[in-house]
């Protein structure tokens, strides 16, 4: 996955997208006993990517920042 800085959209390879579409189809079949076609699963993936993924991405960035900040503070504690 890549996040394009210009438009802020996530980019996936064809293989990644196909795997995610298949995972969505598997989920609907196993959890809801519904068969979801490729187009419907791809549209759901697009919705998730555009509307929900940025929230998860931003949470990951914030968590990484907090973790690194704490480690930098730990590093300062070993000064002589």
Protein backbone atom coordinates (compact mmCIF):
# COMPACT_ATOMS: atom_id res chain seq x y z
CA UNK A 1 0.00 0.00 0.00
CA UNK A 2 1.14 3.50 -0.74
CA UNK A 3 -0.36 6.76 0.39
CA UNK A 4 -0.09 9.36 -2.31
CA UNK A 5 0.84 12.69 -0.74
CA UNK A 6 -0.84 14.80 -3.42
CA UNK A 7 -4.42 13.68 -3.13
CA UNK A 8 -4.17 11.74 0.13
CA UNK A 9 -5.60 8.58 -1.44
CA UNK A 10 -4.34 5.10 -0.71
CA UNK A 11 -2.98 3.11 -3.63
CA UNK A 12 -2.91 -0.67 -3.77
CA UNK A 13 -1.33 -3.03 -6.26
CA UNK A 14 -3.63 -5.17 -8.36
CA UNK A 15 -2.74 -8.20 -6.28
CA UNK A 16 -3.48 -6.40 -3.00
CA UNK A 17 -6.82 -5.13 -4.28
CA UNK A 18 -7.81 -8.59 -5.57
CA UNK A 19 -6.93 -10.15 -2.21
CA UNK A 20 -8.97 -7.55 -0.32
CA UNK A 21 -11.97 -7.98 -2.65
CA UNK A 22 -11.77 -11.74 -2.10
CA UNK A 23 -11.58 -11.21 1.68
CA UNK A 24 -14.71 -9.05 1.58
CA UNK A 25 -16.50 -11.69 -0.48
CA UNK A 26 -15.40 -14.43 1.95
CA UNK A 27 -16.60 -12.36 4.90
CA UNK A 28 -20.04 -11.80 3.42
CA UNK A 29 -20.37 -15.47 2.55
CA UNK A 30 -19.24 -16.83 5.93
CA UNK A 31 -20.81 -14.21 8.22
CA UNK A 32 -23.94 -13.18 6.33
CA UNK A 33 -24.48 -16.13 4.00
CA UNK A 34 -24.58 -13.66 1.11
CA UNK A 35 -22.76 -13.98 -2.18
CA UNK A 36 -21.19 -10.66 -3.11
CA UNK A 37 -20.04 -10.11 -6.67
CA UNK A 38 -16.69 -8.64 -7.64
CA UNK A 39 -18.16 -5.22 -8.45
CA UNK A 40 -20.07 -4.94 -5.17
CA UNK A 41 -17.02 -6.04 -3.17
CA UNK A 42 -14.77 -3.62 -5.08
CA UNK A 43 -17.19 -0.74 -4.43
CA UNK A 44 -17.30 -1.62 -0.73
CA UNK A 45 -13.50 -1.69 -0.68
CA UNK A 46 -13.42 1.72 -2.36
CA UNK A 47 -15.81 3.11 0.26
CA UNK A 48 -13.74 1.70 3.11
CA UNK A 49 -10.53 3.00 1.56
CA UNK A 50 -11.87 6.51 1.00
CA UNK A 51 -14.02 7.01 4.10
CA UNK A 52 -12.65 4.78 6.86
CA UNK A 53 -9.00 4.01 6.12
CA UNK A 54 -7.79 7.58 6.75
CA UNK A 55 -9.00 7.35 10.35
CA UNK A 56 -7.07 4.13 10.93
CA UNK A 57 -4.03 5.55 9.17
CA UNK A 58 -4.08 8.73 11.26
CA UNK A 59 -4.48 6.68 14.45
CA UNK A 60 -1.43 4.61 13.46
CA UNK A 61 0.60 7.76 12.80
CA UNK A 62 -0.43 9.23 16.16
CA UNK A 63 0.37 5.97 17.97
CA UNK A 64 3.78 5.77 16.28
CA UNK A 65 4.50 9.39 17.18
CA UNK A 66 3.55 8.82 20.81
CA UNK A 67 5.67 5.64 20.97
CA UNK A 68 8.71 7.33 19.43
CA UNK A 69 8.32 10.37 21.70
CA UNK A 70 8.31 8.12 24.75
CA UNK A 71 11.41 6.30 23.51
CA UNK A 72 13.21 9.59 22.90
CA UNK A 73 12.43 10.61 26.47
CA UNK A 74 13.87 7.28 27.65
CA UNK A 75 17.00 7.99 25.62
CA UNK A 76 17.50 11.35 27.34
CA UNK A 77 17.39 9.61 30.73
CA UNK A 78 20.69 7.83 30.07
CA UNK A 79 22.69 11.04 29.76
CA UNK A 80 25.79 11.23 31.96
